[in-house]
Amino acid sequence: MSAERKLEQVRGRAALTTVRTGTASEHTGVVLETPGGERLILVRLGANPFEDEATRKLSGRTIEVEGYRVGSELRYTSVREIA
């Protein structure tokens, strides 16, 4: 029996950085840095995690993301900018 994933909302600042350093999957991606110091790799659900212009455009913005946590990733379904 598989565990059902819970949809959650997370706020923070998006930043463009190198992710998965030292692995074959190393690339430039966007992380969400939360006020509590957590860093989650943002991956838009259904998008290419290595090359997604919509996710890259979030860099530098304070956002609220809704999605599913999978390890160190947040696979998001929606995002909104916070003023």
PDB file of N, CA and C in Angstrom:
ATOM      1  N   MET A   1       0.849  -1.179   0.000  1.00  0.00           N
ATOM      2  CA  MET A   1       0.000   0.000   0.000  1.00  0.00           C
ATOM      3  C   MET A   1       0.891   1.238   0.000  1.00  0.00           C
ATOM      4  N   SER A   2       0.663   2.161  -0.934  1.00  0.00           N
ATOM      5  CA  SER A   2       1.480   3.371  -1.001  1.00  0.00           C
ATOM      6  C   SER A   2       0.851   4.488  -0.181  1.00  0.00           C
ATOM      7  N   ALA A   3       1.712   5.315   0.363  1.00  0.00           N
ATOM      8  CA  ALA A   3       1.233   6.444   1.164  1.00  0.00           C
ATOM      9  C   ALA A   3       0.711   7.533   0.240  1.00  0.00           C
ATOM     10  N   GLU A   4      -0.399   8.116   0.600  1.00  0.00           N
ATOM     11  CA  GLU A   4      -0.974   9.186  -0.200  1.00  0.00           C
ATOM     12  C   GLU A   4      -0.238  10.482   0.111  1.00  0.00           C
ATOM     13  N   ARG A   5       0.158  11.194  -0.927  1.00  0.00           N
ATOM     14  CA  ARG A   5       0.871  12.456  -0.737  1.00  0.00           C
ATOM     15  C   ARG A   5      -0.118  13.559  -0.394  1.00  0.00           C
ATOM     16  N   LYS A   6       0.338  14.450   0.474  1.00  0.00           N
ATOM     17  CA  LYS A   6      -0.511  15.543   0.942  1.00  0.00           C
ATOM     18  C   LYS A   6      -0.148  16.823   0.210  1.00  0.00           C
ATOM     19  N   LEU A   7      -1.154  17.488  -0.344  1.00  0.00           N
ATOM     20  CA  LEU A   7      -0.964  18.782  -0.990  1.00  0.00           C
ATOM     21  C   LEU A   7      -0.683  19.804   0.104  1.00  0.00           C
ATOM     22  N   GLU A   8       0.381  20.574  -0.058  1.00  0.00           N
ATOM     23  CA  GLU A   8       0.716  21.572   0.963  1.00  0.00           C
ATOM     24  C   GLU A   8       1.084  22.908   0.326  1.00  0.00           C
ATOM     25  N   GLN A   9       1.013  23.951   1.119  1.00  0.00           N
ATOM     26  CA  GLN A   9       1.386  25.295   0.687  1.00  0.00           C
ATOM     27  C   GLN A   9       2.642  25.706   1.439  1.00  0.00           C
ATOM     28  N   VAL A  10       3.611  26.229   0.670  1.00  0.00           N
ATOM     29  CA  VAL A  10       4.875  26.648   1.260  1.00  0.00           C
ATOM     30  C   VAL A  10       5.206  28.034   0.730  1.00  0.00           C
ATOM     31  N   ARG A  11       5.651  28.929   1.617  1.00  0.00           N
ATOM     32  CA  ARG A  11       6.049  30.281   1.229  1.00  0.00           C
ATOM     33  C   ARG A  11       7.551  30.441   1.339  1.00  0.00           C
ATOM     34  N   GLY A  12       8.088  31.326   0.521  1.00  0.00           N
ATOM     35  CA  GLY A  12       9.513  31.615   0.606  1.00  0.00           C
ATOM     36  C   GLY A  12       9.979  32.430  -0.577  1.00  0.00           C
ATOM     37  N   ARG A  13      11.289  32.540  -0.687  1.00  0.00           N
ATOM     38  CA  ARG A  13      11.908  33.296  -1.774  1.00  0.00           C
ATOM     39  C   ARG A  13      12.543  32.311  -2.745  1.00  0.00           C
ATOM     40  N   ALA A  14      12.254  32.480  -4.031  1.00  0.00           N
ATOM     41  CA  ALA A  14      12.800  31.606  -5.065  1.00  0.00           C
ATOM     42  C   ALA A  14      14.170  32.120  -5.491  1.00  0.00           C
ATOM     43  N   ALA A  15      15.117  31.204  -5.670  1.00  0.00           N
ATOM     44  CA  ALA A  15      16.475  31.585  -6.066  1.00  0.00           C
ATOM     45  C   ALA A  15      17.019  30.582  -7.075  1.00  0.00           C
ATOM     46  N   LEU A  16      17.701  31.101  -8.100  1.00  0.00           N
ATOM     47  CA  LEU A  16      18.346  30.283  -9.119  1.00  0.00           C
ATOM     48  C   LEU A  16      19.706  29.849  -8.594  1.00  0.00           C
ATOM     49  N   THR A  17      19.967  28.537  -8.604  1.00  0.00           N
ATOM     50  CA  THR A  17      21.211  28.016  -8.051  1.00  0.00           C
ATOM     51  C   THR A  17      21.508  26.646  -8.659  1.00  0.00           C
ATOM     52  N   THR A  18      22.680  26.123  -8.390  1.00  0.00           N
ATOM     53  CA  THR A  18      23.019  24.774  -8.832  1.00  0.00           C
ATOM     54  C   THR A  18      22.394  23.780  -7.858  1.00  0.00           C
ATOM     55  N   VAL A  19      21.686  22.796  -8.404  1.00  0.00           N
ATOM     56  CA  VAL A  19      21.038  21.773  -7.581  1.00  0.00           C
ATOM     57  C   VAL A  19      21.590  20.396  -7.925  1.00  0.00           C
ATOM     58  N   ARG A  20      21.469  19.496  -6.986  1.00  0.00           N
ATOM     59  CA  ARG A  20      21.959  18.113  -7.111  1.00  0.00           C
ATOM     60  C   ARG A  20      23.448  18.074  -7.461  1.00  0.00           C
ATOM     61  N   THR A  21      24.209  18.944  -6.807  1.00  0.00           N
ATOM     62  CA  THR A  21      25.652  19.071  -7.022  1.00  0.00           C
ATOM     63  C   THR A  21      26.366  17.736  -6.826  1.00  0.00           C
ATOM     64  N   GLY A  22      27.279  17.439  -7.746  1.00  0.00           N
ATOM     65  CA  GLY A  22      28.084  16.229  -7.641  1.00  0.00           C
ATOM     66  C   GLY A  22      27.423  14.967  -8.157  1.00  0.00           C
ATOM     67  N   THR A  23      26.249  15.096  -8.768  1.00  0.00           N
ATOM     68  CA  THR A  23      25.552  13.936  -9.320  1.00  0.00           C
ATOM     69  C   THR A  23      25.427  14.092 -10.829  1.00  0.00           C
ATOM     70  N   ALA A  24      25.003  13.060 -11.508  1.00  0.00           N
ATOM     71  CA  ALA A  24      24.771  13.124 -12.953  1.00  0.00           C
ATOM     72  C   ALA A  24      23.599  14.055 -13.277  1.00  0.00           C
ATOM     73  N   SER A  25      22.787  14.358 -12.280  1.00  0.00           N
ATOM     74  CA  SER A  25      21.622  15.232 -12.464  1.00  0.00           C
ATOM     75  C   SER A  25      21.904  16.680 -12.084  1.00  0.00           C
ATOM     76  N   GLU A  26      23.166  17.051 -11.870  1.00  0.00           N
ATOM     77  CA  GLU A  26      23.512  18.428 -11.503  1.00  0.00           C
ATOM     78  C   GLU A  26      23.083  19.379 -12.613  1.00  0.00           C
ATOM     79  N   HIS A  27      22.416  20.452 -12.227  1.00  0.00           N
ATOM     80  CA  HIS A  27      21.973  21.464 -13.197  1.00  0.00           C
ATOM     81  C   HIS A  27      21.591  22.747 -12.455  1.00  0.00           C
ATOM     82  N   THR A  28      21.350  23.787 -13.208  1.00  0.00           N
ATOM     83  CA  THR A  28      20.882  25.042 -12.631  1.00  0.00           C
ATOM     84  C   THR A  28      19.369  24.945 -12.493  1.00  0.00           C
ATOM     85  N   GLY A  29      18.901  25.162 -11.280  1.00  0.00           N
ATOM     86  CA  GLY A  29      17.475  25.064 -11.013  1.00  0.00           C
ATOM     87  C   GLY A  29      17.047  26.132 -10.016  1.00  0.00           C
ATOM     88  N   VAL A  30      15.792  26.082  -9.646  1.00  0.00           N
ATOM     89  CA  VAL A  30      15.228  27.068  -8.723  1.00  0.00           C
ATOM     90  C   VAL A  30      14.915  26.377  -7.398  1.00  0.00           C
ATOM     91  N   VAL A  31      15.367  26.982  -6.314  1.00  0.00           N
ATOM     92  CA  VAL A  31      15.028  26.478  -4.985  1.00  0.00           C
ATOM     93  C   VAL A  31      14.148  27.494  -4.279  1.00  0.00           C
ATOM     94  N   LEU A  32      13.304  26.986  -3.414  1.00  0.00           N
ATOM     95  CA  LEU A  32      12.470  27.832  -2.570  1.00  0.00           C
ATOM     96  C   LEU A  32      13.121  27.847  -1.200  1.00  0.00           C
ATOM     97  N   GLU A  33      13.539  29.034  -0.770  1.00  0.00           N
ATOM     98  CA  GLU A  33      14.174  29.205   0.538  1.00  0.00           C
ATOM     99  C   GLU A  33      13.110  29.728   1.492  1.00  0.00           C
ATOM    100  N   THR A  34      12.734  28.898   2.464  1.00  0.00           N
ATOM    101  CA  THR A  34      11.663  29.258   3.389  1.00  0.00           C
ATOM    102  C   THR A  34      12.205  30.123   4.522  1.00  0.00           C
ATOM    103  N   PRO A  35      11.331  30.837   5.226  1.00  0.00           N
ATOM    104  CA  PRO A  35      11.772  31.640   6.371  1.00  0.00           C
ATOM    105  C   PRO A  35      12.458  30.801   7.449  1.00  0.00           C
ATOM    106  N   GLY A  36      12.132  29.513   7.523  1.00  0.00           N
ATOM    107  CA  GLY A  36      12.741  28.622   8.513  1.00  0.00           C
ATOM    108  C   GLY A  36      14.074  28.033   8.072  1.00  0.00           C
ATOM    109  N   GLY A  37      14.552  28.422   6.873  1.00  0.00           N
ATOM    110  CA  GLY A  37      15.848  27.965   6.398  1.00  0.00           C
ATOM    111  C   GLY A  37      15.825  26.710   5.547  1.00  0.00           C
ATOM    112  N   GLU A  38      14.654  26.184   5.281  1.00  0.00           N
ATOM    113  CA  GLU A  38      14.549  24.995   4.425  1.00  0.00           C
ATOM    114  C   GLU A  38      14.755  25.397   2.961  1.00  0.00           C
ATOM    115  N   ARG A  39      15.385  24.518   2.181  1.00  0.00           N
ATOM    116  CA  ARG A  39      15.601  24.761   0.746  1.00  0.00           C
ATOM    117  C   ARG A  39      15.003  23.603  -0.034  1.00  0.00           C
ATOM    118  N   LEU A  40      13.959  23.896  -0.808  1.00  0.00           N
ATOM    119  CA  LEU A  40      13.267  22.886  -1.596  1.00  0.00           C
ATOM    120  C   LEU A  40      13.469  23.174  -3.083  1.00  0.00           C
ATOM    121  N   ILE A  41      13.833  22.161  -3.842  1.00  0.00           N
ATOM    122  CA  ILE A  41      13.976  22.316  -5.291  1.00  0.00           C
ATOM    123  C   ILE A  41      12.574  22.389  -5.884  1.00  0.00           C
ATOM    124  N   LEU A  42      12.302  23.451  -6.656  1.00  0.00           N
ATOM    125  CA  LEU A  42      10.986  23.613  -7.271  1.00  0.00           C
ATOM    126  C   LEU A  42      10.948  22.913  -8.620  1.00  0.00           C
ATOM    127  N   VAL A  43       9.937  22.063  -8.794  1.00  0.00           N
ATOM    128  CA  VAL A  43       9.713  21.378 -10.057  1.00  0.00           C
ATOM    129  C   VAL A  43       8.225  21.506 -10.372  1.00  0.00           C
ATOM    130  N   ARG A  44       7.912  22.124 -11.517  1.00  0.00           N
ATOM    131  CA  ARG A  44       6.505  22.261 -11.909  1.00  0.00           C
ATOM    132  C   ARG A  44       6.003  20.890 -12.343  1.00  0.00           C
ATOM    133  N   LEU A  45       4.889  20.461 -11.771  1.00  0.00           N
ATOM    134  CA  LEU A  45       4.321  19.150 -12.064  1.00  0.00           C
ATOM    135  C   LEU A  45       4.069  19.028 -13.568  1.00  0.00           C
ATOM    136  N   GLY A  46       4.642  17.990 -14.176  1.00  0.00           N
ATOM    137  CA  GLY A  46       4.462  17.744 -15.605  1.00  0.00           C
ATOM    138  C   GLY A  46       5.479  18.433 -16.497  1.00  0.00           C
ATOM    139  N   ALA A  47       6.363  19.250 -15.913  1.00  0.00           N
ATOM    140  CA  ALA A  47       7.359  19.991 -16.708  1.00  0.00           C
ATOM    141  C   ALA A  47       8.711  19.277 -16.664  1.00  0.00           C
ATOM    142  N   ASN A  48       9.599  19.657 -17.564  1.00  0.00           N
ATOM    143  CA  ASN A  48      10.957  19.135 -17.587  1.00  0.00           C
ATOM    144  C   ASN A  48      11.719  19.741 -16.409  1.00  0.00           C
ATOM    145  N   PRO A  49      12.184  18.941 -15.458  1.00  0.00           N
ATOM    146  CA  PRO A  49      12.856  19.499 -14.282  1.00  0.00           C
ATOM    147  C   PRO A  49      14.215  20.138 -14.594  1.00  0.00           C
ATOM    148  N   PHE A  50      14.787  19.835 -15.763  1.00  0.00           N
ATOM    149  CA  PHE A  50      16.092  20.378 -16.119  1.00  0.00           C
ATOM    150  C   PHE A  50      15.985  21.679 -16.922  1.00  0.00           C
ATOM    151  N   GLU A  51      14.859  21.937 -17.522  1.00  0.00           N
ATOM    152  CA  GLU A  51      14.722  23.111 -18.386  1.00  0.00           C
ATOM    153  C   GLU A  51      13.273  23.562 -18.410  1.00  0.00           C
ATOM    154  N   ASP A  52      12.900  24.419 -17.463  1.00  0.00           N
ATOM    155  CA  ASP A  52      11.528  24.933 -17.388  1.00  0.00           C
ATOM    156  C   ASP A  52      11.586  26.444 -17.197  1.00  0.00           C
ATOM    157  N   GLU A  53      11.350  27.150 -18.265  1.00  0.00           N
ATOM    158  CA  GLU A  53      11.446  28.611 -18.240  1.00  0.00           C
ATOM    159  C   GLU A  53      10.443  29.239 -17.264  1.00  0.00           C
ATOM    160  N   ALA A  54       9.256  28.660 -17.145  1.00  0.00           N
ATOM    161  CA  ALA A  54       8.247  29.214 -16.228  1.00  0.00           C
ATOM    162  C   ALA A  54       8.746  29.177 -14.780  1.00  0.00           C
ATOM    163  N   THR A  55       9.416  28.101 -14.397  1.00  0.00           N
ATOM    164  CA  THR A  55       9.950  28.003 -13.035  1.00  0.00           C
ATOM    165  C   THR A  55      11.127  28.955 -12.864  1.00  0.00           C
ATOM    166  N   ARG A  56      11.998  29.057 -13.860  1.00  0.00           N
ATOM    167  CA  ARG A  56      13.152  29.971 -13.763  1.00  0.00           C
ATOM    168  C   ARG A  56      12.718  31.421 -13.581  1.00  0.00           C
ATOM    169  N   LYS A  57      11.597  31.798 -14.161  1.00  0.00           N
ATOM    170  CA  LYS A  57      11.103  33.180 -14.044  1.00  0.00           C
ATOM    171  C   LYS A  57      10.682  33.536 -12.621  1.00  0.00           C
ATOM    172  N   LEU A  58      10.524  32.536 -11.756  1.00  0.00           N
ATOM    173  CA  LEU A  58      10.152  32.783 -10.359  1.00  0.00           C
ATOM    174  C   LEU A  58      11.330  33.275  -9.532  1.00  0.00           C
ATOM    175  N   SER A  59      12.544  33.079 -10.039  1.00  0.00           N
ATOM    176  CA  SER A  59      13.755  33.439  -9.306  1.00  0.00           C
ATOM    177  C   SER A  59      13.747  34.910  -8.889  1.00  0.00           C
ATOM    178  N   GLY A  60      14.085  35.141  -7.620  1.00  0.00           N
ATOM    179  CA  GLY A  60      14.133  36.500  -7.085  1.00  0.00           C
ATOM    180  C   GLY A  60      12.812  36.988  -6.520  1.00  0.00           C
ATOM    181  N   ARG A  61      11.783  36.187  -6.614  1.00  0.00           N
ATOM    182  CA  ARG A  61      10.457  36.597  -6.138  1.00  0.00           C
ATOM    183  C   ARG A  61      10.094  35.875  -4.839  1.00  0.00           C
ATOM    184  N   THR A  62       9.283  36.535  -4.030  1.00  0.00           N
ATOM    185  CA  THR A  62       8.713  35.903  -2.842  1.00  0.00           C
ATOM    186  C   THR A  62       7.383  35.320  -3.284  1.00  0.00           C
ATOM    187  N   ILE A  63       7.213  34.012  -3.062  1.00  0.00           N
ATOM    188  CA  ILE A  63       6.067  33.302  -3.606  1.00  0.00           C
ATOM    189  C   ILE A  63       5.445  32.357  -2.585  1.00  0.00           C
ATOM    190  N   GLU A  64       4.220  31.945  -2.891  1.00  0.00           N
ATOM    191  CA  GLU A  64       3.562  30.861  -2.175  1.00  0.00           C
ATOM    192  C   GLU A  64       3.276  29.789  -3.212  1.00  0.00           C
ATOM    193  N   VAL A  65       3.744  28.587  -2.933  1.00  0.00           N
ATOM    194  CA  VAL A  65       3.642  27.482  -3.867  1.00  0.00           C
ATOM    195  C   VAL A  65       2.761  26.401  -3.267  1.00  0.00           C
ATOM    196  N   GLU A  66       1.914  25.810  -4.085  1.00  0.00           N
ATOM    197  CA  GLU A  66       1.100  24.685  -3.642  1.00  0.00           C
ATOM    198  C   GLU A  66       1.560  23.455  -4.416  1.00  0.00           C
ATOM    199  N   GLY A  67       1.887  22.393  -3.693  1.00  0.00           N
ATOM    200  CA  GLY A  67       2.353  21.201  -4.369  1.00  0.00           C
ATOM    201  C   GLY A  67       2.591  20.047  -3.417  1.00  0.00           C
ATOM    202  N   TYR A  68       3.323  19.070  -3.935  1.00  0.00           N
ATOM    203  CA  TYR A  68       3.592  17.834  -3.201  1.00  0.00           C
ATOM    204  C   TYR A  68       5.079  17.714  -2.933  1.00  0.00           C
ATOM    205  N   ARG A  69       5.421  17.436  -1.695  1.00  0.00           N
ATOM    206  CA  ARG A  69       6.820  17.273  -1.292  1.00  0.00           C
ATOM    207  C   ARG A  69       7.256  15.841  -1.630  1.00  0.00           C
ATOM    208  N   VAL A  70       8.381  15.751  -2.343  1.00  0.00           N
ATOM    209  CA  VAL A  70       8.969  14.457  -2.686  1.00  0.00           C
ATOM    210  C   VAL A  70      10.463  14.578  -2.392  1.00  0.00           C
ATOM    211  N   GLY A  71      10.888  14.085  -1.248  1.00  0.00           N
ATOM    212  CA  GLY A  71      12.283  14.233  -0.837  1.00  0.00           C
ATOM    213  C   GLY A  71      12.617  15.707  -0.673  1.00  0.00           C
ATOM    214  N   SER A  72      13.648  16.165  -1.388  1.00  0.00           N
ATOM    215  CA  SER A  72      14.063  17.570  -1.305  1.00  0.00           C
ATOM    216  C   SER A  72      13.393  18.431  -2.373  1.00  0.00           C
ATOM    217  N   GLU A  73      12.423  17.866  -3.087  1.00  0.00           N
ATOM    218  CA  GLU A  73      11.702  18.606  -4.130  1.00  0.00           C
ATOM    219  C   GLU A  73      10.319  19.009  -3.657  1.00  0.00           C
ATOM    220  N   LEU A  74       9.832  20.112  -4.234  1.00  0.00           N
ATOM    221  CA  LEU A  74       8.427  20.472  -4.096  1.00  0.00           C
ATOM    222  C   LEU A  74       7.887  20.507  -5.517  1.00  0.00           C
ATOM    223  N   ARG A  75       7.098  19.514  -5.864  1.00  0.00           N
ATOM    224  CA  ARG A  75       6.507  19.423  -7.207  1.00  0.00           C
ATOM    225  C   ARG A  75       5.204  20.199  -7.155  1.00  0.00           C
ATOM    226  N   TYR A  76       5.255  21.394  -7.744  1.00  0.00           N
ATOM    227  CA  TYR A  76       4.148  22.327  -7.533  1.00  0.00           C
ATOM    228  C   TYR A  76       3.111  22.305  -8.644  1.00  0.00           C
ATOM    229  N   THR A  77       1.885  22.618  -8.227  1.00  0.00           N
ATOM    230  CA  THR A  77       0.747  22.682  -9.143  1.00  0.00           C
ATOM    231  C   THR A  77       0.295  24.116  -9.373  1.00  0.00           C
ATOM    232  N   SER A  78       0.586  24.995  -8.416  1.00  0.00           N
ATOM    233  CA  SER A  78       0.233  26.403  -8.581  1.00  0.00           C
ATOM    234  C   SER A  78       1.200  27.267  -7.786  1.00  0.00           C
ATOM    235  N   VAL A  79       1.282  28.519  -8.211  1.00  0.00           N
ATOM    236  CA  VAL A  79       2.193  29.464  -7.556  1.00  0.00           C
ATOM    237  C   VAL A  79       1.583  30.857  -7.640  1.00  0.00           C
ATOM    238  N   ARG A  80       1.803  31.643  -6.595  1.00  0.00           N
ATOM    239  CA  ARG A  80       1.379  33.044  -6.651  1.00  0.00           C
ATOM    240  C   ARG A  80       2.439  33.896  -5.972  1.00  0.00           C
ATOM    241  N   GLU A  81       2.609  35.081  -6.533  1.00  0.00           N
ATOM    242  CA  GLU A  81       3.604  36.004  -5.969  1.00  0.00           C
ATOM    243  C   GLU A  81       2.996  36.711  -4.768  1.00  0.00           C
ATOM    244  N   ILE A  82       3.821  36.904  -3.755  1.00  0.00           N
ATOM    245  CA  ILE A  82       3.407  37.592  -2.530  1.00  0.00           C
ATOM    246  C   ILE A  82       4.040  38.970  -2.542  1.00  0.00           C
ATOM    247  N   ALA A  83       3.247  39.984  -2.314  1.00  0.00           N
ATOM    248  CA  ALA A  83       3.769  41.358  -2.314  1.00  0.00           C
ATOM    249  C   ALA A  83       4.596  41.647  -1.099  1.00  0.00           C
TER     250      ALA A  83
END
